[in-house]
Protein backbone atom coordinates (compact mmCIF):
# COMPACT_ATOMS: atom_id res chain seq x y z
CA MET A 1 0.00 0.00 0.00
CA LYS A 2 1.98 3.00 -1.22
CA ALA A 3 1.65 6.85 -1.34
CA ARG A 4 1.65 10.36 -3.04
CA GLY A 5 -0.40 13.58 -3.54
CA VAL A 6 -2.07 16.25 -1.43
CA LEU A 7 -1.29 14.36 1.78
CA ALA A 8 2.17 13.38 0.60
CA ALA A 9 3.87 14.93 3.60
CA LEU A 10 1.83 12.72 5.89
CA LEU A 11 1.59 9.55 3.86
CA CYS A 12 3.49 6.48 4.87
CA LEU A 13 3.45 3.00 3.47
CA ALA A 14 0.20 1.55 4.77
CA LEU A 15 0.17 -1.80 6.49
CA LEU A 16 0.77 -4.87 4.38
CA ALA A 17 -2.33 -6.99 4.08
CA GLY A 18 -0.58 -9.89 5.79
CA CYS A 19 0.11 -9.07 9.43
CA GLY A 20 1.32 -5.49 9.08
CA SER A 21 4.85 -6.60 8.28
CA SER A 22 7.09 -5.31 5.51
CA ASP A 23 7.08 -8.62 3.64
CA SER A 24 6.52 -7.66 -0.01
CA THR A 25 5.33 -11.08 -1.10
CA ASN A 26 1.83 -10.41 0.18
CA THR A 27 1.27 -6.75 -0.48
CA ASP A 28 -2.04 -5.08 -0.67
CA ALA A 29 -3.25 -1.87 -1.78
CA SER A 30 -3.39 1.38 0.03
CA ALA A 31 -2.00 4.10 -2.06
CA GLN A 32 -1.23 7.71 -2.46
CA ALA A 33 -3.70 10.34 -1.46
CA GLY A 34 -4.78 13.12 -3.78
CA SER A 35 -8.21 14.26 -4.81
CA GLN A 36 -9.26 14.32 -8.44
CA SER A 37 -11.07 17.15 -10.16
CA GLY A 38 -13.48 16.88 -13.06
CA ALA A 39 -15.16 13.69 -14.23
CA PRO A 40 -13.69 10.39 -12.99
CA GLN A 41 -11.17 8.80 -15.32
CA VAL A 42 -12.10 5.30 -16.48
CA ILE A 43 -9.18 2.97 -17.05
CA VAL A 44 -10.00 -0.42 -18.58
CA GLU A 45 -7.00 -2.68 -18.09
CA THR A 46 -8.10 -6.09 -19.41
CA SER A 47 -11.10 -7.75 -20.98
CA ALA A 48 -12.75 -11.14 -20.90
CA ASN A 49 -14.70 -12.61 -23.80
CA GLY A 50 -18.44 -12.82 -23.18
CA PHE A 51 -18.25 -10.51 -20.18
CA ASP A 52 -19.59 -6.98 -20.51
CA ALA A 53 -17.16 -5.13 -18.26
CA ALA A 54 -18.51 -1.78 -19.43
CA GLN A 55 -22.02 -2.72 -18.26
CA VAL A 56 -20.69 -3.92 -14.90
CA TYR A 57 -18.87 -0.60 -14.55
CA ARG A 58 -22.00 1.41 -15.38
CA GLU A 59 -24.02 -0.47 -12.79
CA ALA A 60 -21.47 -0.61 -9.98
CA SER A 61 -19.13 2.39 -10.23
CA PRO A 62 -21.57 4.91 -8.68
CA GLY A 63 -21.37 2.85 -5.50
CA VAL A 64 -17.56 2.61 -5.33
CA VAL A 65 -15.76 5.18 -3.18
CA THR A 66 -12.24 6.28 -2.31
CA ILE A 67 -11.29 6.22 1.37
CA ARG A 68 -8.60 8.34 3.00
CA SER A 69 -7.44 7.68 6.53
CA ILE A 70 -5.30 9.91 8.75
CA PHE A 71 -3.31 8.33 11.58
CA GLY A 72 -1.70 11.42 13.07
CA SER A 73 2.05 10.98 13.46
CA ALA A 74 1.80 7.53 11.83
CA GLY A 75 0.86 9.15 8.52
CA ALA A 76 -2.08 8.43 6.25
CA ALA A 77 -3.33 5.86 3.78
CA GLU A 78 -5.73 5.55 0.89
CA GLY A 79 -7.89 2.71 -0.30
CA SER A 80 -11.26 1.93 -1.81
CA GLY A 81 -14.66 0.87 -0.55
CA PHE A 82 -18.26 0.46 -1.60
CA VAL A 83 -21.70 1.58 -0.44
CA LEU A 84 -23.64 -1.14 1.35
CA ASP A 85 -27.02 0.57 1.81
CA THR A 86 -28.87 3.87 1.69
CA ASP A 87 -28.41 4.32 5.45
CA GLY A 88 -24.81 5.33 4.76
CA ARG A 89 -22.96 2.13 5.63
CA ILE A 90 -19.74 1.59 3.67
CA VAL A 91 -17.50 -1.48 3.54
CA THR A 92 -13.72 -1.50 3.13
CA ASN A 93 -10.67 -3.40 4.36
CA ALA A 94 -9.71 -3.08 8.01
CA HIS A 95 -6.12 -2.27 7.06
CA VAL A 96 -7.28 0.81 5.11
CA VAL A 97 -8.66 2.44 8.27
CA THR A 98 -6.40 1.02 11.00
CA ASP A 99 -2.72 1.21 11.88
CA GLU A 100 -0.40 -1.14 13.78
CA SER A 101 2.82 0.87 13.77
CA SER A 102 2.55 1.37 17.55
CA GLY A 103 2.47 -2.40 18.12
CA LYS A 104 -1.29 -2.44 18.65
CA ARG A 105 -3.89 -2.11 15.92
CA VAL A 106 -5.82 1.14 16.36
CA PRO A 107 -8.43 2.94 14.23
CA ALA A 108 -7.52 6.01 12.19
CA LYS A 109 -8.01 9.38 13.86
CA GLU A 110 -10.00 10.62 10.86
CA VAL A 111 -11.56 8.91 7.85
CA PHE A 112 -12.92 10.63 4.76
CA VAL A 113 -14.97 9.12 1.94
CA GLU A 114 -14.88 10.57 -1.57
CA PHE A 115 -17.73 9.77 -3.94
CA PRO A 116 -17.58 9.64 -7.75
CA ASP A 117 -19.28 13.07 -7.90
CA ARG A 118 -16.28 14.50 -5.93
CA ASN A 119 -18.21 15.03 -2.69
CA VAL A 120 -15.97 14.26 0.31
CA VAL A 121 -17.55 13.50 3.69
CA PRO A 122 -16.24 12.33 7.08
CA ALA A 123 -16.97 8.77 8.17
CA GLU A 124 -17.25 7.01 11.50
CA ILE A 125 -15.58 3.62 11.96
CA VAL A 126 -18.38 1.40 13.27
CA GLY A 127 -15.94 -1.44 13.82
CA PHE A 128 -13.22 -3.51 12.20
CA ASP A 129 -12.47 -7.21 11.98
CA PRO A 130 -8.73 -7.98 11.71
CA PHE A 131 -9.37 -11.70 11.18
CA ALA A 132 -11.27 -11.12 7.91
CA ASP A 133 -9.69 -7.70 7.17
CA VAL A 134 -13.11 -6.06 6.96
CA ALA A 135 -14.20 -2.68 8.31
CA LEU A 136 -17.63 -1.10 8.47
CA LEU A 137 -17.94 2.69 8.14
CA LYS A 138 -20.93 5.01 8.52
CA ILE A 139 -21.58 8.40 6.95
CA GLU A 140 -24.52 10.75 7.29
CA PRO A 141 -26.54 10.04 4.12
CA ASP A 142 -28.64 13.21 4.11
CA GLY A 143 -28.32 15.06 0.84
CA PHE A 144 -26.34 12.30 -0.91
CA PRO A 145 -27.94 9.97 -3.47
CA LEU A 146 -26.26 6.74 -2.38
CA HIS A 147 -25.92 3.80 -4.79
CA PRO A 148 -25.70 0.54 -2.80
CA LEU A 149 -24.06 -2.52 -4.34
CA GLU A 150 -25.74 -5.89 -4.08
CA LEU A 151 -23.88 -8.60 -2.19
CA GLY A 152 -23.60 -11.79 -4.25
CA ASP A 153 -22.82 -15.41 -3.36
CA ASP A 154 -19.44 -17.15 -3.41
CA ALA A 155 -20.78 -20.68 -2.85
CA ASP A 156 -20.61 -21.76 -6.49
CA LEU A 157 -17.73 -19.78 -7.96
CA GLN A 158 -16.04 -21.34 -10.96
CA VAL A 159 -12.41 -21.10 -11.97
CA GLY A 160 -12.40 -19.19 -15.25
CA GLN A 161 -15.49 -17.16 -14.32
CA PRO A 162 -15.06 -13.52 -15.46
CA VAL A 163 -14.91 -10.80 -12.82
CA ALA A 164 -14.25 -7.07 -12.59
CA ALA A 165 -12.49 -4.95 -9.97
CA ILE A 166 -13.22 -1.27 -9.39
CA GLY A 167 -11.17 0.98 -7.15
CA SER A 168 -8.45 3.62 -6.92
CA PRO A 169 -5.11 1.99 -7.84
CA PHE A 170 -2.24 4.46 -7.39
CA GLY A 171 -4.85 7.14 -6.62
CA GLU A 172 -6.53 6.81 -10.03
CA MET A 173 -10.14 6.92 -8.93
CA GLN A 174 -12.90 4.83 -10.51
CA SER A 175 -10.50 2.55 -12.37
CA LEU A 176 -11.83 -0.69 -13.83
CA SER A 177 -9.93 -3.90 -14.49
CA SER A 178 -11.32 -7.26 -15.50
CA GLY A 179 -10.13 -10.83 -15.62
CA ILE A 180 -11.11 -14.24 -14.34
CA ILE A 181 -11.25 -16.17 -11.12
CA SER A 182 -7.93 -17.99 -11.11
CA ALA A 183 -8.64 -20.17 -8.08
CA THR A 184 -11.00 -20.48 -5.12
CA ASP A 185 -10.59 -21.55 -1.50
CA ARG A 186 -7.19 -19.95 -1.06
CA SER A 187 -5.76 -19.25 2.40
CA VAL A 188 -4.13 -15.82 2.72
CA LYS A 189 -2.72 -13.72 5.54
CA SER A 190 -5.05 -11.69 7.71
CA LEU A 191 -4.03 -8.90 10.08
CA THR A 192 -3.52 -11.53 12.80
CA ASP A 193 -1.61 -14.80 13.13
CA PHE A 194 -4.54 -16.58 11.46
CA GLN A 195 -5.43 -17.05 7.82
CA ILE A 196 -8.41 -15.80 5.82
CA GLU A 197 -9.97 -18.97 4.47
CA GLY A 198 -11.86 -19.26 1.20
CA ALA A 199 -10.16 -16.28 -0.44
CA ILE A 200 -10.75 -15.72 -4.15
CA GLN A 201 -7.71 -15.58 -6.43
CA THR A 202 -7.99 -13.46 -9.57
CA ASP A 203 -5.82 -12.17 -12.40
CA ALA A 204 -7.88 -8.95 -12.62
CA SER A 205 -5.33 -6.18 -12.16
CA ILE A 206 -5.16 -5.16 -8.49
CA ASN A 207 -2.65 -2.58 -7.29
CA PRO A 208 -1.96 -0.32 -4.31
CA GLY A 209 -5.13 1.69 -3.71
CA ASN A 210 -7.53 -1.09 -4.77
CA SER A 211 -7.83 -2.34 -1.17
CA GLY A 212 -11.42 -2.45 -0.01
CA GLY A 213 -12.92 -2.12 -3.47
CA PRO A 214 -15.33 -4.72 -4.82
CA LEU A 215 -14.65 -7.76 -6.97
CA LEU A 216 -17.80 -8.10 -9.08
CA ASP A 217 -19.56 -10.77 -11.11
CA ALA A 218 -21.34 -10.31 -14.46
CA GLY A 219 -24.42 -8.96 -12.68
CA ALA A 220 -22.40 -6.28 -10.82
CA ARG A 221 -22.87 -8.19 -7.56
CA VAL A 222 -20.06 -8.15 -4.98
CA LEU A 223 -18.20 -11.46 -4.77
CA GLY A 224 -15.45 -10.18 -2.50
CA ILE A 225 -13.30 -7.28 -1.32
CA ASN A 226 -9.98 -6.86 -3.12
CA GLU A 227 -7.46 -7.29 -0.33
CA GLN A 228 -3.91 -8.18 -1.30
CA ILE A 229 -1.59 -9.18 -4.13
CA GLU A 230 1.25 -11.64 -4.51
CA THR A 231 4.20 -9.60 -5.71
CA ASN A 232 7.91 -9.06 -5.53
CA SER A 233 7.72 -5.56 -6.96
CA GLY A 234 4.88 -3.99 -4.97
CA SER A 235 2.52 -3.86 -7.94
CA ASN A 236 0.27 -6.27 -9.80
CA SER A 237 1.78 -9.52 -11.03
CA GLY A 238 -1.47 -11.16 -12.07
CA VAL A 239 -2.11 -12.84 -8.72
CA GLY A 240 -4.56 -10.96 -6.51
CA PHE A 241 -6.80 -12.07 -3.68
CA ALA A 242 -10.22 -10.98 -2.44
CA VAL A 243 -11.95 -11.65 0.88
CA PRO A 244 -15.01 -13.78 -0.05
CA VAL A 245 -18.44 -12.21 0.33
CA SER A 246 -19.56 -14.94 2.74
CA ALA A 247 -16.86 -13.81 5.16
CA ILE A 248 -17.83 -10.17 4.57
CA LYS A 249 -21.49 -10.85 5.41
CA ARG A 250 -20.56 -12.61 8.63
CA SER A 251 -18.14 -9.88 9.61
CA ILE A 252 -20.57 -7.04 8.87
CA ALA A 253 -23.30 -8.65 10.98
CA GLN A 254 -21.00 -8.82 14.00
CA LEU A 255 -19.53 -5.36 13.49
CA GLU A 256 -22.95 -3.79 13.29
CA ALA A 257 -24.14 -5.64 16.39
CA LYS A 258 -21.18 -4.95 18.68
CA GLY A 259 -18.36 -3.22 16.77
CA SER A 260 -16.07 -6.26 16.81
CA ALA A 261 -15.98 -9.83 15.54
CA GLU A 262 -15.35 -13.12 17.33
CA TYR A 263 -14.27 -16.44 15.84
CA ALA A 264 -14.11 -19.95 17.22
CA TYR A 265 -10.73 -21.42 18.15
CA ILE A 266 -9.53 -24.99 18.50
CA GLY A 267 -5.87 -24.42 19.34
CA VAL A 268 -3.95 -26.73 16.99
CA SER A 269 -1.69 -26.61 13.97
CA SER A 270 -2.27 -29.36 11.45
CA GLN A 271 -1.00 -30.73 8.16
CA ALA A 272 -3.25 -32.26 5.52
CA LEU A 273 -2.84 -35.96 4.89
CA TYR A 274 -2.76 -37.31 1.35
CA PRO A 275 -2.81 -40.97 0.21
CA GLN A 276 0.95 -41.48 -0.16
CA LEU A 277 1.76 -39.83 3.17
CA ALA A 278 -0.95 -41.84 4.94
CA GLU A 279 0.48 -45.05 3.46
CA LYS A 280 3.99 -44.08 4.56
CA LEU A 281 2.69 -43.56 8.11
CA GLY A 282 0.66 -46.77 8.07
CA LEU A 283 -2.60 -44.91 8.72
CA ASP A 284 -5.95 -46.43 7.83
CA THR A 285 -7.21 -43.29 6.06
CA THR A 286 -6.41 -41.26 2.97
CA PHE A 287 -7.47 -37.91 4.41
CA GLY A 288 -7.52 -35.93 7.63
CA GLY A 289 -5.68 -33.24 9.53
CA LEU A 290 -2.45 -34.57 11.05
CA LEU A 291 -1.99 -32.69 14.33
CA ALA A 292 1.51 -31.23 14.40
CA GLU A 293 1.06 -29.17 17.56
CA VAL A 294 -1.53 -28.67 20.26
CA VAL A 295 -1.44 -25.21 21.86
CA PRO A 296 -0.86 -25.45 25.63
CA GLY A 297 -3.99 -24.51 27.57
CA GLY A 298 -6.12 -24.35 24.41
CA PRO A 299 -9.44 -26.11 23.75
CA ALA A 300 -7.78 -29.06 21.99
CA GLU A 301 -5.41 -29.75 24.89
CA LYS A 302 -8.30 -29.52 27.35
CA ALA A 303 -10.15 -32.11 25.25
CA GLY A 304 -7.15 -34.43 25.40
CA LEU A 305 -5.94 -34.16 21.79
CA ARG A 306 -2.31 -35.00 21.11
CA GLY A 307 0.19 -33.34 18.80
CA GLY A 308 3.13 -34.91 17.00
CA ASP A 309 6.32 -36.02 18.75
CA LYS A 310 8.38 -37.17 15.77
CA GLU A 311 9.65 -35.58 12.55
CA LEU A 312 9.47 -37.10 9.07
CA LYS A 313 10.91 -35.90 5.77
CA PHE A 314 8.87 -37.32 2.91
CA GLN A 315 8.41 -36.31 -0.73
CA ALA A 316 10.09 -32.94 -0.23
CA GLY A 317 7.90 -32.19 2.81
CA GLN A 318 8.56 -31.98 6.54
CA TYR A 319 5.90 -33.50 8.81
CA SER A 320 5.29 -33.79 12.54
CA THR A 321 4.01 -37.30 13.14
CA GLY A 322 2.78 -39.45 16.00
CA GLY A 323 -0.15 -37.21 16.93
CA ASP A 324 -3.89 -37.56 16.43
CA VAL A 325 -5.49 -37.27 13.01
CA ILE A 326 -8.74 -35.28 12.89
CA LEU A 327 -10.95 -36.98 10.32
CA GLN A 328 -14.24 -35.10 10.81
CA VAL A 329 -15.78 -32.11 12.54
CA ASP A 330 -19.44 -32.79 13.34
CA GLY A 331 -19.49 -35.45 10.64
CA LYS A 332 -17.87 -33.33 7.92
CA ASP A 333 -14.65 -34.70 6.41
CA VAL A 334 -11.35 -32.87 6.78
CA VAL A 335 -9.77 -33.33 3.35
CA ARG A 336 -8.24 -30.13 1.99
CA PRO A 337 -5.53 -28.19 3.86
CA ASP A 338 -7.95 -25.47 4.96
CA ASP A 339 -10.92 -27.71 5.82
CA LEU A 340 -10.23 -27.90 9.56
CA ALA A 341 -9.85 -24.12 9.90
CA ARG A 342 -12.91 -23.52 7.70
CA LEU A 343 -15.14 -25.93 9.63
CA VAL A 344 -14.09 -24.46 12.98
CA ALA A 345 -14.53 -20.89 11.70
CA ALA A 346 -18.14 -21.69 10.81
CA LYS A 347 -18.86 -22.26 14.52
CA LYS A 348 -19.16 -19.82 17.42
CA PRO A 349 -16.99 -19.57 20.53
CA GLY A 350 -18.49 -21.70 23.30
CA GLU A 351 -20.09 -24.23 20.94
CA THR A 352 -19.35 -27.90 21.48
CA VAL A 353 -18.27 -29.95 18.46
CA THR A 354 -17.72 -33.65 17.98
CA LEU A 355 -14.38 -34.56 16.44
CA THR A 356 -13.79 -37.94 14.86
CA ILE A 357 -10.11 -38.71 15.32
CA LEU A 358 -7.71 -41.52 14.48
CA ARG A 359 -5.40 -42.46 17.36
CA ASP A 360 -3.15 -45.50 17.53
CA GLY A 361 -5.04 -47.10 14.67
CA GLU A 362 -8.49 -46.66 16.24
CA LYS A 363 -11.23 -44.18 15.47
CA LYS A 364 -12.58 -42.22 18.44
CA GLN A 365 -15.06 -39.42 18.97
CA VAL A 366 -14.02 -36.50 21.14
CA LYS A 367 -16.24 -33.69 22.44
CA LEU A 368 -14.53 -30.30 22.33
CA THR A 369 -15.74 -26.88 23.50
CA LEU A 370 -14.47 -24.18 21.16
CA GLY A 371 -12.71 -21.14 22.55
CA LYS A 372 -12.48 -17.55 21.33
CA ARG A 373 -9.78 -16.97 18.75
CA PRO A 374 -6.95 -14.72 20.03
CA ASP A 375 -5.21 -12.15 17.81
CA SER A 376 -1.98 -14.10 18.12
CA VAL A 377 -1.17 -17.74 18.77
CA PRO A 378 0.02 -18.27 22.36
CA GLY A 379 3.71 -19.09 22.28
CA GLY A 380 3.83 -18.33 18.53
C-alpha cells in the first residue's frame, strides 16, 4: 500500500495486508492520497470474452468510493470501498482504516470518503475485523444519493469465471480492471496470526489503492473485497486475492451488532494428509488433519488431543508425526488443507463440536468446546 499527492507529507506506506509486516510477497493496496477534479477517469486494463465489463462498470461504479485515513504521526493511507445501503454504511478493508505501527492495531483518527461526484464527507468507523480484514464505516446520508451494491454469493464460484475490480489503484479513482477467477478456497494472511480462508484468487489487475474495493460478477454483484496481491515488486503480477463475500457478510453482521468480531478457536496446527503420506505412516485413512502441535492450555489440549512427537521428511515435505489425526468435525470430512480451519470458523466460541479422530489405529469421537480466537497464537 503506497503513497503520493495532497497528503504526501503525511503519507506512509500503509500496512501490508498480511500481518502489518514489511514482507513484499503479500502486499495489498493502500495508495497515495490526492483528490481528483473533473469527471472520474475510467481505465480499462483487461477484458474477458463474453463478459460486458462496461455494463458492470455502469451499474457498480456509482457505489464505489475512495477512502482516505489519517493516523496522526503515523501518517495516512488511501484505499477503496463500496456503499452497502442507503443508510450510509460503507465497507472497506480493516487495514485501510487502521494502523499497527505502535504495536497495537488502532483505528484512524479521521476517515474521509470521496464519492464519484467529488463530494468528500467524514466517516465514522463502526468497527473492524482484523481476522477477515473487513471494516464497516458510517456516513450521514442526508443530501447524498447513495448507490448501494448488491452482495452476491461465493458458494458456487467457478475457476475461469469472469470478474471485474473497481477501485483507486495508485490514486486513479474509478478505475476498472477485469479478468477471471484464477482459483478459489485460497488461504491468505489476515491482520492476525490466522489465515483468511476461502479467499478468491484473480488475475484482474489489483494494485496499491484497490484495497477495499469490490470484486464483481457479471451482474455487478459483490463477490469479494480486493485485499492483497502476490508480488515481488509492490505492484500487480497477475495474482490478486479478495476476501469472499460470505466472510464479509458474517463480519458485517457482528460489526454492526457490537463493533467487533469473534471467531471460534480450537488451538492446533495441522497438516493435511494425502494418500501417499498416509500409506507411509501406516494410517488407515487417505485424508484428515495430522496434528503437528496442540497449543498449551487451548481447547484441543483440554479435550485431550495430542500433537506430533516425531519428525518425518517425505516427498520434499517436513511433517510432525505421531499425533492424532482429525478426520471429521461434526461429521464433515477434513480433506483439503484449509478444511479444519474452515469448519471451525463456521462455529461460534463456546459451541461444542464432535471430532472424529484416528489415534493408535483406532477411530474415536471426542467432544470439544471451542474457545475464542486470540489475535496471536500463544507461544507463537
